[in-house]
Amino acid sequence: MDAIRVIDTQESQVLVVQPGQAKIQDVEKHLIMATLKRTRYNRTKAAKQLGIGIRTLQRKLKQYAEDQAMIAAI
């Protein structure tokens, strides 16, 4: 199976994902974080650009923070 390329034309970034090396959640997190950066961390604008609700974005960001805290505690 070929690699999957996720292209962010706004930031001229390309994320190349090899099959079996990344989970959908990893790609989703990359897209969310890149969109937040592009919108200068305006969550409302980022949610609109991503096509998700602001509550969904907030929930995902909370989960990312909890994951980071768990990793730091190890």
PDB file of N, CA and C in Angstrom:
ATOM      1  N   MET A   1       0.834  -1.176   0.000  1.00  0.00           N
ATOM      2  CA  MET A   1       0.000   0.000   0.000  1.00  0.00           C
ATOM      3  C   MET A   1       0.883   1.245   0.000  1.00  0.00           C
ATOM      4  N   ASP A   2       0.499   2.238  -0.773  1.00  0.00           N
ATOM      5  CA  ASP A   2       1.281   3.472  -0.879  1.00  0.00           C
ATOM      6  C   ASP A   2       1.074   4.374   0.333  1.00  0.00           C
ATOM      7  N   ALA A   3       2.018   5.278   0.520  1.00  0.00           N
ATOM      8  CA  ALA A   3       1.917   6.266   1.596  1.00  0.00           C
ATOM      9  C   ALA A   3       0.769   7.220   1.308  1.00  0.00           C
ATOM     10  N   ILE A   4       0.198   7.736   2.358  1.00  0.00           N
ATOM     11  CA  ILE A   4      -0.881   8.706   2.249  1.00  0.00           C
ATOM     12  C   ILE A   4      -0.280  10.080   2.503  1.00  0.00           C
ATOM     13  N   ARG A   5      -0.581  11.025   1.626  1.00  0.00           N
ATOM     14  CA  ARG A   5      -0.080  12.382   1.794  1.00  0.00           C
ATOM     15  C   ARG A   5      -1.233  13.302   2.171  1.00  0.00           C
ATOM     16  N   VAL A   6      -1.071  14.014   3.256  1.00  0.00           N
ATOM     17  CA  VAL A   6      -2.048  15.007   3.688  1.00  0.00           C
ATOM     18  C   VAL A   6      -1.395  16.358   3.440  1.00  0.00           C
ATOM     19  N   ILE A   7      -1.993  17.151   2.572  1.00  0.00           N
ATOM     20  CA  ILE A   7      -1.384  18.404   2.168  1.00  0.00           C
ATOM     21  C   ILE A   7      -2.175  19.576   2.743  1.00  0.00           C
ATOM     22  N   ASP A   8      -1.468  20.470   3.413  1.00  0.00           N
ATOM     23  CA  ASP A   8      -2.046  21.703   3.944  1.00  0.00           C
ATOM     24  C   ASP A   8      -1.524  22.824   3.054  1.00  0.00           C
ATOM     25  N   THR A   9      -2.326  23.243   2.101  1.00  0.00           N
ATOM     26  CA  THR A   9      -1.868  24.248   1.137  1.00  0.00           C
ATOM     27  C   THR A   9      -1.679  25.613   1.775  1.00  0.00           C
ATOM     28  N   GLN A  10      -2.396  25.910   2.853  1.00  0.00           N
ATOM     29  CA  GLN A  10      -2.255  27.203   3.528  1.00  0.00           C
ATOM     30  C   GLN A  10      -0.855  27.347   4.121  1.00  0.00           C
ATOM     31  N   GLU A  11      -0.330  26.284   4.686  1.00  0.00           N
ATOM     32  CA  GLU A  11       0.968  26.323   5.359  1.00  0.00           C
ATOM     33  C   GLU A  11       2.084  25.684   4.528  1.00  0.00           C
ATOM     34  N   SER A  12       1.766  25.211   3.351  1.00  0.00           N
ATOM     35  CA  SER A  12       2.729  24.521   2.495  1.00  0.00           C
ATOM     36  C   SER A  12       3.378  23.344   3.222  1.00  0.00           C
ATOM     37  N   GLN A  13       2.566  22.624   3.967  1.00  0.00           N
ATOM     38  CA  GLN A  13       3.052  21.458   4.701  1.00  0.00           C
ATOM     39  C   GLN A  13       2.510  20.193   4.064  1.00  0.00           C
ATOM     40  N   VAL A  14       3.313  19.169   4.115  1.00  0.00           N
ATOM     41  CA  VAL A  14       2.883  17.861   3.656  1.00  0.00           C
ATOM     42  C   VAL A  14       3.171  16.868   4.765  1.00  0.00           C
ATOM     43  N   LEU A  15       2.161  16.150   5.178  1.00  0.00           N
ATOM     44  CA  LEU A  15       2.325  15.101   6.166  1.00  0.00           C
ATOM     45  C   LEU A  15       2.234  13.783   5.427  1.00  0.00           C
ATOM     46  N   VAL A  16       3.299  13.017   5.431  1.00  0.00           N
ATOM     47  CA  VAL A  16       3.324  11.732   4.748  1.00  0.00           C
ATOM     48  C   VAL A  16       3.160  10.633   5.789  1.00  0.00           C
ATOM     49  N   VAL A  17       2.144   9.823   5.597  1.00  0.00           N
ATOM     50  CA  VAL A  17       1.840   8.759   6.547  1.00  0.00           C
ATOM     51  C   VAL A  17       2.031   7.416   5.851  1.00  0.00           C
ATOM     52  N   GLN A  18       2.921   6.626   6.395  1.00  0.00           N
ATOM     53  CA  GLN A  18       3.148   5.286   5.866  1.00  0.00           C
ATOM     54  C   GLN A  18       2.125   4.342   6.489  1.00  0.00           C
ATOM     55  N   PRO A  19       1.570   3.441   5.723  1.00  0.00           N
ATOM     56  CA  PRO A  19       0.603   2.494   6.272  1.00  0.00           C
ATOM     57  C   PRO A  19       1.188   1.747   7.476  1.00  0.00           C
ATOM     58  N   GLY A  20       0.407   1.657   8.522  1.00  0.00           N
ATOM     59  CA  GLY A  20       0.834   0.943   9.717  1.00  0.00           C
ATOM     60  C   GLY A  20       1.703   1.756  10.651  1.00  0.00           C
ATOM     61  N   GLN A  21       2.042   2.995  10.302  1.00  0.00           N
ATOM     62  CA  GLN A  21       2.925   3.798  11.133  1.00  0.00           C
ATOM     63  C   GLN A  21       2.215   4.898  11.892  1.00  0.00           C
ATOM     64  N   ALA A  22       1.004   5.235  11.522  1.00  0.00           N
ATOM     65  CA  ALA A  22       0.282   6.291  12.215  1.00  0.00           C
ATOM     66  C   ALA A  22      -1.191   5.928  12.299  1.00  0.00           C
ATOM     67  N   LYS A  23      -1.805   6.392  13.336  1.00  0.00           N
ATOM     68  CA  LYS A  23      -3.225   6.164  13.514  1.00  0.00           C
ATOM     69  C   LYS A  23      -3.991   7.372  12.983  1.00  0.00           C
ATOM     70  N   ILE A  24      -5.262   7.170  12.714  1.00  0.00           N
ATOM     71  CA  ILE A  24      -6.106   8.265  12.255  1.00  0.00           C
ATOM     72  C   ILE A  24      -6.069   9.399  13.268  1.00  0.00           C
ATOM     73  N   GLN A  25      -6.038   9.058  14.548  1.00  0.00           N
ATOM     74  CA  GLN A  25      -6.007  10.075  15.592  1.00  0.00           C
ATOM     75  C   GLN A  25      -4.765  10.950  15.479  1.00  0.00           C
ATOM     76  N   ASP A  26      -3.645  10.367  15.073  1.00  0.00           N
ATOM     77  CA  ASP A  26      -2.404  11.137  14.913  1.00  0.00           C
ATOM     78  C   ASP A  26      -2.524  12.147  13.773  1.00  0.00           C
ATOM     79  N   VAL A  27      -3.114  11.714  12.675  1.00  0.00           N
ATOM     80  CA  VAL A  27      -3.297  12.602  11.521  1.00  0.00           C
ATOM     81  C   VAL A  27      -4.291  13.699  11.886  1.00  0.00           C
ATOM     82  N   GLU A  28      -5.369  13.324  12.571  1.00  0.00           N
ATOM     83  CA  GLU A  28      -6.367  14.297  13.003  1.00  0.00           C
ATOM     84  C   GLU A  28      -5.738  15.354  13.913  1.00  0.00           C
ATOM     85  N   LYS A  29      -4.926  14.917  14.863  1.00  0.00           N
ATOM     86  CA  LYS A  29      -4.274  15.851  15.775  1.00  0.00           C
ATOM     87  C   LYS A  29      -3.367  16.804  15.007  1.00  0.00           C
ATOM     88  N   HIS A  30      -2.622  16.294  14.053  1.00  0.00           N
ATOM     89  CA  HIS A  30      -1.748  17.139  13.236  1.00  0.00           C
ATOM     90  C   HIS A  30      -2.558  18.212  12.509  1.00  0.00           C
ATOM     91  N   LEU A  31      -3.682  17.812  11.904  1.00  0.00           N
ATOM     92  CA  LEU A  31      -4.508  18.769  11.175  1.00  0.00           C
ATOM     93  C   LEU A  31      -5.111  19.815  12.108  1.00  0.00           C
ATOM     94  N   ILE A  32      -5.559  19.391  13.275  1.00  0.00           N
ATOM     95  CA  ILE A  32      -6.133  20.327  14.239  1.00  0.00           C
ATOM     96  C   ILE A  32      -5.081  21.325  14.696  1.00  0.00           C
ATOM     97  N   MET A  33      -3.911  20.838  15.049  1.00  0.00           N
ATOM     98  CA  MET A  33      -2.871  21.735  15.551  1.00  0.00           C
ATOM     99  C   MET A  33      -2.391  22.695  14.460  1.00  0.00           C
ATOM    100  N   ALA A  34      -2.267  22.218  13.232  1.00  0.00           N
ATOM    101  CA  ALA A  34      -1.859  23.094  12.121  1.00  0.00           C
ATOM    102  C   ALA A  34      -2.916  24.166  11.857  1.00  0.00           C
ATOM    103  N   THR A  35      -4.179  23.784  11.947  1.00  0.00           N
ATOM    104  CA  THR A  35      -5.262  24.743  11.728  1.00  0.00           C
ATOM    105  C   THR A  35      -5.297  25.775  12.842  1.00  0.00           C
ATOM    106  N   LEU A  36      -5.096  25.344  14.073  1.00  0.00           N
ATOM    107  CA  LEU A  36      -5.047  26.288  15.192  1.00  0.00           C
ATOM    108  C   LEU A  36      -3.914  27.300  15.003  1.00  0.00           C
ATOM    109  N   LYS A  37      -2.768  26.805  14.594  1.00  0.00           N
ATOM    110  CA  LYS A  37      -1.630  27.698  14.364  1.00  0.00           C
ATOM    111  C   LYS A  37      -1.960  28.706  13.266  1.00  0.00           C
ATOM    112  N   ARG A  38      -2.573  28.210  12.194  1.00  0.00           N
ATOM    113  CA  ARG A  38      -2.900  29.067  11.057  1.00  0.00           C
ATOM    114  C   ARG A  38      -3.928  30.138  11.440  1.00  0.00           C
ATOM    115  N   THR A  39      -4.835  29.825  12.363  1.00  0.00           N
ATOM    116  CA  THR A  39      -5.860  30.785  12.785  1.00  0.00           C
ATOM    117  C   THR A  39      -5.429  31.576  14.014  1.00  0.00           C
ATOM    118  N   ARG A  40      -4.141  31.495  14.331  1.00  0.00           N
ATOM    119  CA  ARG A  40      -3.579  32.168  15.510  1.00  0.00           C
ATOM    120  C   ARG A  40      -4.299  31.740  16.778  1.00  0.00           C
ATOM    121  N   TYR A  41      -4.599  30.448  16.825  1.00  0.00           N
ATOM    122  CA  TYR A  41      -5.211  29.786  17.985  1.00  0.00           C
ATOM    123  C   TYR A  41      -6.624  30.290  18.292  1.00  0.00           C
ATOM    124  N   ASN A  42      -7.305  30.769  17.267  1.00  0.00           N
ATOM    125  CA  ASN A  42      -8.703  31.146  17.397  1.00  0.00           C
ATOM    126  C   ASN A  42      -9.522  29.869  17.210  1.00  0.00           C
ATOM    127  N   ARG A  43     -10.054  29.356  18.300  1.00  0.00           N
ATOM    128  CA  ARG A  43     -10.746  28.063  18.266  1.00  0.00           C
ATOM    129  C   ARG A  43     -12.010  28.099  17.420  1.00  0.00           C
ATOM    130  N   THR A  44     -12.720  29.204  17.444  1.00  0.00           N
ATOM    131  CA  THR A  44     -13.951  29.303  16.652  1.00  0.00           C
ATOM    132  C   THR A  44     -13.635  29.224  15.165  1.00  0.00           C
ATOM    133  N   LYS A  45     -12.636  29.982  14.719  1.00  0.00           N
ATOM    134  CA  LYS A  45     -12.238  29.949  13.306  1.00  0.00           C
ATOM    135  C   LYS A  45     -11.689  28.574  12.928  1.00  0.00           C
ATOM    136  N   ALA A  46     -10.884  27.997  13.803  1.00  0.00           N
ATOM    137  CA  ALA A  46     -10.301  26.682  13.525  1.00  0.00           C
ATOM    138  C   ALA A  46     -11.397  25.635  13.370  1.00  0.00           C
ATOM    139  N   ALA A  47     -12.374  25.647  14.271  1.00  0.00           N
ATOM    140  CA  ALA A  47     -13.470  24.673  14.191  1.00  0.00           C
ATOM    141  C   ALA A  47     -14.224  24.821  12.875  1.00  0.00           C
ATOM    142  N   LYS A  48     -14.492  26.065  12.462  1.00  0.00           N
ATOM    143  CA  LYS A  48     -15.185  26.294  11.187  1.00  0.00           C
ATOM    144  C   LYS A  48     -14.372  25.761  10.018  1.00  0.00           C
ATOM    145  N   GLN A  49     -13.067  26.048  10.010  1.00  0.00           N
ATOM    146  CA  GLN A  49     -12.225  25.586   8.907  1.00  0.00           C
ATOM    147  C   GLN A  49     -12.127  24.071   8.868  1.00  0.00           C
ATOM    148  N   LEU A  50     -12.170  23.442  10.028  1.00  0.00           N
ATOM    149  CA  LEU A  50     -12.090  21.982  10.102  1.00  0.00           C
ATOM    150  C   LEU A  50     -13.440  21.311   9.831  1.00  0.00           C
ATOM    151  N   GLY A  51     -14.505  22.097   9.882  1.00  0.00           N
ATOM    152  CA  GLY A  51     -15.834  21.537   9.655  1.00  0.00           C
ATOM    153  C   GLY A  51     -16.360  20.765  10.853  1.00  0.00           C
ATOM    154  N   ILE A  52     -15.938  21.171  12.054  1.00  0.00           N
ATOM    155  CA  ILE A  52     -16.410  20.526  13.277  1.00  0.00           C
ATOM    156  C   ILE A  52     -16.958  21.598  14.212  1.00  0.00           C
ATOM    157  N   GLY A  53     -17.726  21.172  15.186  1.00  0.00           N
ATOM    158  CA  GLY A  53     -18.270  22.109  16.162  1.00  0.00           C
ATOM    159  C   GLY A  53     -17.201  22.562  17.145  1.00  0.00           C
ATOM    160  N   ILE A  54     -17.419  23.722  17.735  1.00  0.00           N
ATOM    161  CA  ILE A  54     -16.461  24.253  18.708  1.00  0.00           C
ATOM    162  C   ILE A  54     -16.351  23.327  19.908  1.00  0.00           C
ATOM    163  N   ARG A  55     -17.451  22.724  20.337  1.00  0.00           N
ATOM    164  CA  ARG A  55     -17.414  21.791  21.466  1.00  0.00           C
ATOM    165  C   ARG A  55     -16.576  20.554  21.134  1.00  0.00           C
ATOM    166  N   THR A  56     -16.688  20.074  19.921  1.00  0.00           N
ATOM    167  CA  THR A  56     -15.882  18.922  19.494  1.00  0.00           C
ATOM    168  C   THR A  56     -14.408  19.281  19.546  1.00  0.00           C
ATOM    169  N   LEU A  57     -14.066  20.468  19.052  1.00  0.00           N
ATOM    170  CA  LEU A  57     -12.671  20.916  19.082  1.00  0.00           C
ATOM    171  C   LEU A  57     -12.189  21.038  20.523  1.00  0.00           C
ATOM    172  N   GLN A  58     -12.985  21.627  21.386  1.00  0.00           N
ATOM    173  CA  GLN A  58     -12.602  21.775  22.789  1.00  0.00           C
ATOM    174  C   GLN A  58     -12.381  20.418  23.447  1.00  0.00           C
ATOM    175  N   ARG A  59     -13.254  19.466  23.144  1.00  0.00           N
ATOM    176  CA  ARG A  59     -13.133  18.118  23.710  1.00  0.00           C
ATOM    177  C   ARG A  59     -11.840  17.442  23.237  1.00  0.00           C
ATOM    178  N   LYS A  60     -11.522  17.599  21.976  1.00  0.00           N
ATOM    179  CA  LYS A  60     -10.297  16.996  21.448  1.00  0.00           C
ATOM    180  C   LYS A  60      -9.052  17.638  22.066  1.00  0.00           C
ATOM    181  N   LEU A  61      -9.062  18.961  22.216  1.00  0.00           N
ATOM    182  CA  LEU A  61      -7.923  19.650  22.822  1.00  0.00           C
ATOM    183  C   LEU A  61      -7.750  19.234  24.282  1.00  0.00           C
ATOM    184  N   LYS A  62      -8.860  19.052  24.979  1.00  0.00           N
ATOM    185  CA  LYS A  62      -8.792  18.594  26.369  1.00  0.00           C
ATOM    186  C   LYS A  62      -8.169  17.194  26.427  1.00  0.00           C
ATOM    187  N   GLN A  63      -8.565  16.339  25.500  1.00  0.00           N
ATOM    188  CA  GLN A  63      -8.007  14.989  25.463  1.00  0.00           C
ATOM    189  C   GLN A  63      -6.511  15.028  25.160  1.00  0.00           C
ATOM    190  N   TYR A  64      -6.078  15.894  24.247  1.00  0.00           N
ATOM    191  CA  TYR A  64      -4.652  16.014  23.943  1.00  0.00           C
ATOM    192  C   TYR A  64      -3.876  16.456  25.180  1.00  0.00           C
ATOM    193  N   ALA A  65      -4.437  17.407  25.934  1.00  0.00           N
ATOM    194  CA  ALA A  65      -3.769  17.885  27.159  1.00  0.00           C
ATOM    195  C   ALA A  65      -3.687  16.781  28.194  1.00  0.00           C
ATOM    196  N   GLU A  66      -4.746  15.995  28.334  1.00  0.00           N
ATOM    197  CA  GLU A  66      -4.729  14.879  29.292  1.00  0.00           C
ATOM    198  C   GLU A  66      -3.699  13.835  28.877  1.00  0.00           C
ATOM    199  N   ASP A  67      -3.600  13.563  27.590  1.00  0.00           N
ATOM    200  CA  ASP A  67      -2.620  12.596  27.086  1.00  0.00           C
ATOM    201  C   ASP A  67      -1.215  13.082  27.393  1.00  0.00           C
ATOM    202  N   GLN A  68      -0.948  14.384  27.185  1.00  0.00           N
ATOM    203  CA  GLN A  68       0.375  14.948  27.464  1.00  0.00           C
ATOM    204  C   GLN A  68       0.693  14.855  28.946  1.00  0.00           C
ATOM    205  N   ALA A  69      -0.291  15.129  29.800  1.00  0.00           N
ATOM    206  CA  ALA A  69      -0.076  15.059  31.251  1.00  0.00           C
ATOM    207  C   ALA A  69       0.239  13.630  31.680  1.00  0.00           C
ATOM    208  N   MET A  70      -0.424  12.670  31.062  1.00  0.00           N
ATOM    209  CA  MET A  70      -0.183  11.270  31.406  1.00  0.00           C
ATOM    210  C   MET A  70       1.227  10.864  30.984  1.00  0.00           C
ATOM    211  N   ILE A  71       1.665  11.312  29.824  1.00  0.00           N
ATOM    212  CA  ILE A  71       3.004  10.993  29.354  1.00  0.00           C
ATOM    213  C   ILE A  71       4.058  11.630  30.265  1.00  0.00           C
ATOM    214  N   ALA A  72       3.816  12.875  30.672  1.00  0.00           N
ATOM    215  CA  ALA A  72       4.757  13.583  31.533  1.00  0.00           C
ATOM    216  C   ALA A  72       4.857  12.939  32.905  1.00  0.00           C
ATOM    217  N   ALA A  73       3.792  12.296  33.356  1.00  0.00           N
ATOM    218  CA  ALA A  73       3.788  11.678  34.687  1.00  0.00           C
ATOM    219  C   ALA A  73       4.566  10.359  34.721  1.00  0.00           C
ATOM    220  N   ILE A  74       4.853   9.822  33.573  1.00  0.00           N
ATOM    221  CA  ILE A  74       5.543   8.515  33.522  1.00  0.00           C
ATOM    222  C   ILE A  74       7.018   8.678  33.791  1.00  0.00           C
TER     223      ILE A  74
END
